[in-house]
Amino acid sequence: MNEQTCAACDYKLDDTRILVNIGGKPVEVCCEECAAKLREAEKSARAATRQPGHN
């Protein structure tokens, strides 16, 4: 059996999983706290790639 885990914390996913869109792809997480962490990480990554002087 293929066990699925949270994309943020590796916790085993159950029926309460949350689907978030990160980088244009659906990602499953175990709770709203992990969803918020991934959204913030994506936001930070996008901001870092837009800063001048970073190639």
PDB file of N, CA and C in Angstrom:
ATOM      1  N   MET A   1       0.836  -1.187   0.000  1.00  0.00           N
ATOM      2  CA  MET A   1       0.000   0.000   0.000  1.00  0.00           C
ATOM      3  C   MET A   1       0.878   1.247   0.000  1.00  0.00           C
ATOM      4  N   ASN A   2       0.523   2.223  -0.810  1.00  0.00           N
ATOM      5  CA  ASN A   2       1.274   3.466  -0.926  1.00  0.00           C
ATOM      6  C   ASN A   2       0.761   4.469   0.096  1.00  0.00           C
ATOM      7  N   GLU A   3       1.569   4.765   1.116  1.00  0.00           N
ATOM      8  CA  GLU A   3       1.194   5.714   2.144  1.00  0.00           C
ATOM      9  C   GLU A   3       1.583   7.114   1.711  1.00  0.00           C
ATOM     10  N   GLN A   4       0.660   8.046   1.827  1.00  0.00           N
ATOM     11  CA  GLN A   4       0.948   9.415   1.447  1.00  0.00           C
ATOM     12  C   GLN A   4       1.247  10.228   2.699  1.00  0.00           C
ATOM     13  N   THR A   5       2.179  11.171   2.548  1.00  0.00           N
ATOM     14  CA  THR A   5       2.550  12.010   3.680  1.00  0.00           C
ATOM     15  C   THR A   5       2.454  13.483   3.304  1.00  0.00           C
ATOM     16  N   CYS A   6       2.379  14.310   4.322  1.00  0.00           N
ATOM     17  CA  CYS A   6       2.290  15.753   4.173  1.00  0.00           C
ATOM     18  C   CYS A   6       3.535  16.284   3.467  1.00  0.00           C
ATOM     19  N   ALA A   7       3.324  17.189   2.516  1.00  0.00           N
ATOM     20  CA  ALA A   7       4.435  17.781   1.772  1.00  0.00           C
ATOM     21  C   ALA A   7       5.288  18.707   2.637  1.00  0.00           C
ATOM     22  N   ALA A   8       4.752  19.159   3.760  1.00  0.00           N
ATOM     23  CA  ALA A   8       5.495  20.088   4.610  1.00  0.00           C
ATOM     24  C   ALA A   8       6.193  19.400   5.781  1.00  0.00           C
ATOM     25  N   CYS A   9       5.541  18.406   6.386  1.00  0.00           N
ATOM     26  CA  CYS A   9       6.109  17.842   7.613  1.00  0.00           C
ATOM     27  C   CYS A   9       6.254  16.324   7.600  1.00  0.00           C
ATOM     28  N   ASP A  10       5.864  15.674   6.524  1.00  0.00           N
ATOM     29  CA  ASP A  10       5.956  14.211   6.375  1.00  0.00           C
ATOM     30  C   ASP A  10       5.010  13.425   7.277  1.00  0.00           C
ATOM     31  N   TYR A  11       4.047  14.095   7.896  1.00  0.00           N
ATOM     32  CA  TYR A  11       3.051  13.414   8.720  1.00  0.00           C
ATOM     33  C   TYR A  11       2.131  12.605   7.807  1.00  0.00           C
ATOM     34  N   LYS A  12       1.698  11.457   8.254  1.00  0.00           N
ATOM     35  CA  LYS A  12       0.801  10.611   7.466  1.00  0.00           C
ATOM     36  C   LYS A  12      -0.521  11.347   7.210  1.00  0.00           C
ATOM     37  N   LEU A  13      -0.926  11.387   5.935  1.00  0.00           N
ATOM     38  CA  LEU A  13      -2.177  12.043   5.572  1.00  0.00           C
ATOM     39  C   LEU A  13      -3.372  11.141   5.862  1.00  0.00           C
ATOM     40  N   ASP A  14      -4.465  11.771   6.304  1.00  0.00           N
ATOM     41  CA  ASP A  14      -5.711  11.048   6.528  1.00  0.00           C
ATOM     42  C   ASP A  14      -6.835  11.790   5.807  1.00  0.00           C
ATOM     43  N   ASP A  15      -8.069  11.545   6.200  1.00  0.00           N
ATOM     44  CA  ASP A  15      -9.214  12.148   5.510  1.00  0.00           C
ATOM     45  C   ASP A  15      -9.323  13.654   5.711  1.00  0.00           C
ATOM     46  N   THR A  16      -8.551  14.226   6.630  1.00  0.00           N
ATOM     47  CA  THR A  16      -8.616  15.664   6.881  1.00  0.00           C
ATOM     48  C   THR A  16      -7.585  16.447   6.068  1.00  0.00           C
ATOM     49  N   ARG A  17      -6.939  15.794   5.128  1.00  0.00           N
ATOM     50  CA  ARG A  17      -5.911  16.452   4.309  1.00  0.00           C
ATOM     51  C   ARG A  17      -6.461  17.684   3.609  1.00  0.00           C
ATOM     52  N   ILE A  18      -5.557  18.613   3.331  1.00  0.00           N
ATOM     53  CA  ILE A  18      -5.899  19.871   2.670  1.00  0.00           C
ATOM     54  C   ILE A  18      -5.105  19.939   1.371  1.00  0.00           C
ATOM     55  N   LEU A  19      -5.757  20.363   0.317  1.00  0.00           N
ATOM     56  CA  LEU A  19      -5.113  20.502  -0.985  1.00  0.00           C
ATOM     57  C   LEU A  19      -4.797  21.980  -1.206  1.00  0.00           C
ATOM     58  N   VAL A  20      -3.523  22.291  -1.458  1.00  0.00           N
ATOM     59  CA  VAL A  20      -3.100  23.659  -1.749  1.00  0.00           C
ATOM     60  C   VAL A  20      -2.399  23.694  -3.101  1.00  0.00           C
ATOM     61  N   ASN A  21      -2.459  24.828  -3.753  1.00  0.00           N
ATOM     62  CA  ASN A  21      -1.838  25.006  -5.057  1.00  0.00           C
ATOM     63  C   ASN A  21      -0.503  25.708  -4.854  1.00  0.00           C
ATOM     64  N   ILE A  22       0.595  25.013  -5.075  1.00  0.00           N
ATOM     65  CA  ILE A  22       1.935  25.561  -4.903  1.00  0.00           C
ATOM     66  C   ILE A  22       2.676  25.426  -6.229  1.00  0.00           C
ATOM     67  N   GLY A  23       3.111  26.533  -6.740  1.00  0.00           N
ATOM     68  CA  GLY A  23       3.832  26.516  -8.011  1.00  0.00           C
ATOM     69  C   GLY A  23       3.002  25.988  -9.161  1.00  0.00           C
ATOM     70  N   GLY A  24       1.699  26.179  -9.082  1.00  0.00           N
ATOM     71  CA  GLY A  24       0.807  25.720 -10.136  1.00  0.00           C
ATOM     72  C   GLY A  24       0.443  24.249 -10.057  1.00  0.00           C
ATOM     73  N   LYS A  25       0.870  23.594  -8.979  1.00  0.00           N
ATOM     74  CA  LYS A  25       0.576  22.166  -8.826  1.00  0.00           C
ATOM     75  C   LYS A  25      -0.151  21.910  -7.506  1.00  0.00           C
ATOM     76  N   PRO A  26      -1.084  20.954  -7.495  1.00  0.00           N
ATOM     77  CA  PRO A  26      -1.768  20.614  -6.248  1.00  0.00           C
ATOM     78  C   PRO A  26      -0.840  19.834  -5.310  1.00  0.00           C
ATOM     79  N   VAL A  27      -0.824  20.241  -4.060  1.00  0.00           N
ATOM     80  CA  VAL A  27       0.005  19.610  -3.044  1.00  0.00           C
ATOM     81  C   VAL A  27      -0.880  19.304  -1.840  1.00  0.00           C
ATOM     82  N   GLU A  28      -0.733  18.114  -1.271  1.00  0.00           N
ATOM     83  CA  GLU A  28      -1.538  17.728  -0.114  1.00  0.00           C
ATOM     84  C   GLU A  28      -0.755  17.911   1.172  1.00  0.00           C
ATOM     85  N   VAL A  29      -1.419  18.532   2.156  1.00  0.00           N
ATOM     86  CA  VAL A  29      -0.821  18.736   3.471  1.00  0.00           C
ATOM     87  C   VAL A  29      -1.798  18.255   4.543  1.00  0.00           C
ATOM     88  N   CYS A  30      -1.277  18.087   5.764  1.00  0.00           N
ATOM     89  CA  CYS A  30      -2.085  17.501   6.830  1.00  0.00           C
ATOM     90  C   CYS A  30      -2.958  18.505   7.571  1.00  0.00           C
ATOM     91  N   CYS A  31      -2.587  19.792   7.545  1.00  0.00           N
ATOM     92  CA  CYS A  31      -3.343  20.775   8.333  1.00  0.00           C
ATOM     93  C   CYS A  31      -3.164  22.171   7.745  1.00  0.00           C
ATOM     94  N   GLU A  32      -3.937  23.101   8.242  1.00  0.00           N
ATOM     95  CA  GLU A  32      -3.868  24.482   7.769  1.00  0.00           C
ATOM     96  C   GLU A  32      -2.529  25.126   8.113  1.00  0.00           C
ATOM     97  N   GLU A  33      -1.927  24.740   9.221  1.00  0.00           N
ATOM     98  CA  GLU A  33      -0.616  25.284   9.593  1.00  0.00           C
ATOM     99  C   GLU A  33       0.441  24.926   8.536  1.00  0.00           C
ATOM    100  N   CYS A  34       0.436  23.692   8.078  1.00  0.00           N
ATOM    101  CA  CYS A  34       1.377  23.271   7.034  1.00  0.00           C
ATOM    102  C   CYS A  34       1.051  23.953   5.706  1.00  0.00           C
ATOM    103  N   ALA A  35      -0.223  24.141   5.413  1.00  0.00           N
ATOM    104  CA  ALA A  35      -0.615  24.842   4.189  1.00  0.00           C
ATOM    105  C   ALA A  35      -0.078  26.270   4.223  1.00  0.00           C
ATOM    106  N   ALA A  36      -0.193  26.932   5.363  1.00  0.00           N
ATOM    107  CA  ALA A  36       0.299  28.295   5.507  1.00  0.00           C
ATOM    108  C   ALA A  36       1.816  28.341   5.350  1.00  0.00           C
ATOM    109  N   LYS A  37       2.521  27.356   5.895  1.00  0.00           N
ATOM    110  CA  LYS A  37       3.980  27.305   5.768  1.00  0.00           C
ATOM    111  C   LYS A  37       4.401  27.187   4.306  1.00  0.00           C
ATOM    112  N   LEU A  38       3.721  26.327   3.554  1.00  0.00           N
ATOM    113  CA  LEU A  38       4.066  26.165   2.135  1.00  0.00           C
ATOM    114  C   LEU A  38       3.739  27.417   1.338  1.00  0.00           C
ATOM    115  N   ARG A  39       2.617  28.051   1.639  1.00  0.00           N
ATOM    116  CA  ARG A  39       2.255  29.287   0.925  1.00  0.00           C
ATOM    117  C   ARG A  39       3.290  30.376   1.199  1.00  0.00           C
ATOM    118  N   GLU A  40       3.728  30.486   2.448  1.00  0.00           N
ATOM    119  CA  GLU A  40       4.728  31.487   2.809  1.00  0.00           C
ATOM    120  C   GLU A  40       6.070  31.186   2.147  1.00  0.00           C
ATOM    121  N   ALA A  41       6.448  29.911   2.101  1.00  0.00           N
ATOM    122  CA  ALA A  41       7.698  29.527   1.446  1.00  0.00           C
ATOM    123  C   ALA A  41       7.658  29.863  -0.035  1.00  0.00           C
ATOM    124  N   GLU A  42       6.526  29.615  -0.676  1.00  0.00           N
ATOM    125  CA  GLU A  42       6.391  29.937  -2.094  1.00  0.00           C
ATOM    126  C   GLU A  42       6.475  31.449  -2.306  1.00  0.00           C
ATOM    127  N   LYS A  43       5.825  32.200  -1.442  1.00  0.00           N
ATOM    128  CA  LYS A  43       5.853  33.656  -1.532  1.00  0.00           C
ATOM    129  C   LYS A  43       7.287  34.177  -1.373  1.00  0.00           C
ATOM    130  N   SER A  44       8.020  33.650  -0.423  1.00  0.00           N
ATOM    131  CA  SER A  44       9.411  34.056  -0.198  1.00  0.00           C
ATOM    132  C   SER A  44      10.291  33.697  -1.384  1.00  0.00           C
ATOM    133  N   ALA A  45      10.086  32.522  -1.944  1.00  0.00           N
ATOM    134  CA  ALA A  45      10.883  32.081  -3.095  1.00  0.00           C
ATOM    135  C   ALA A  45      10.626  32.976  -4.301  1.00  0.00           C
ATOM    136  N   ARG A  46       9.384  33.340  -4.512  1.00  0.00           N
ATOM    137  CA  ARG A  46       9.070  34.227  -5.634  1.00  0.00           C
ATOM    138  C   ARG A  46       9.689  35.598  -5.435  1.00  0.00           C
ATOM    139  N   ALA A  47       9.641  36.116  -4.219  1.00  0.00           N
ATOM    140  CA  ALA A  47      10.220  37.424  -3.923  1.00  0.00           C
ATOM    141  C   ALA A  47      11.735  37.394  -4.126  1.00  0.00           C
ATOM    142  N   ALA A  48      12.382  36.308  -3.747  1.00  0.00           N
ATOM    143  CA  ALA A  48      13.827  36.193  -3.879  1.00  0.00           C
ATOM    144  C   ALA A  48      14.253  36.162  -5.341  1.00  0.00           C
ATOM    145  N   THR A  49      13.451  35.564  -6.197  1.00  0.00           N
ATOM    146  CA  THR A  49      13.813  35.485  -7.617  1.00  0.00           C
ATOM    147  C   THR A  49      13.570  36.805  -8.335  1.00  0.00           C
ATOM    148  N   ARG A  50      12.802  37.703  -7.740  1.00  0.00           N
ATOM    149  CA  ARG A  50      12.512  38.984  -8.363  1.00  0.00           C
ATOM    150  C   ARG A  50      13.462  40.092  -7.946  1.00  0.00           C
ATOM    151  N   GLN A  51      14.286  39.847  -6.933  1.00  0.00           N
ATOM    152  CA  GLN A  51      15.184  40.893  -6.452  1.00  0.00           C
ATOM    153  C   GLN A  51      16.314  41.136  -7.450  1.00  0.00           C
ATOM    154  N   PRO A  52      16.605  42.402  -7.743  1.00  0.00           N
ATOM    155  CA  PRO A  52      17.705  42.718  -8.672  1.00  0.00           C
ATOM    156  C   PRO A  52      19.045  42.276  -8.089  1.00  0.00           C
ATOM    157  N   GLY A  53      19.940  41.861  -8.975  1.00  0.00           N
ATOM    158  CA  GLY A  53      21.271  41.449  -8.543  1.00  0.00           C
ATOM    159  C   GLY A  53      21.394  39.977  -8.231  1.00  0.00           C
ATOM    160  N   HIS A  54      20.318  39.222  -8.259  1.00  0.00           N
ATOM    161  CA  HIS A  54      20.347  37.777  -8.017  1.00  0.00           C
ATOM    162  C   HIS A  54      20.183  37.053  -9.344  1.00  0.00           C
ATOM    163  N   ASN A  55      21.216  36.384  -9.775  1.00  0.00           N
ATOM    164  CA  ASN A  55      21.146  35.620 -11.035  1.00  0.00           C
ATOM    165  C   ASN A  55      21.363  34.188 -10.769  1.00  0.00           C
TER     166      ASN A  55
END
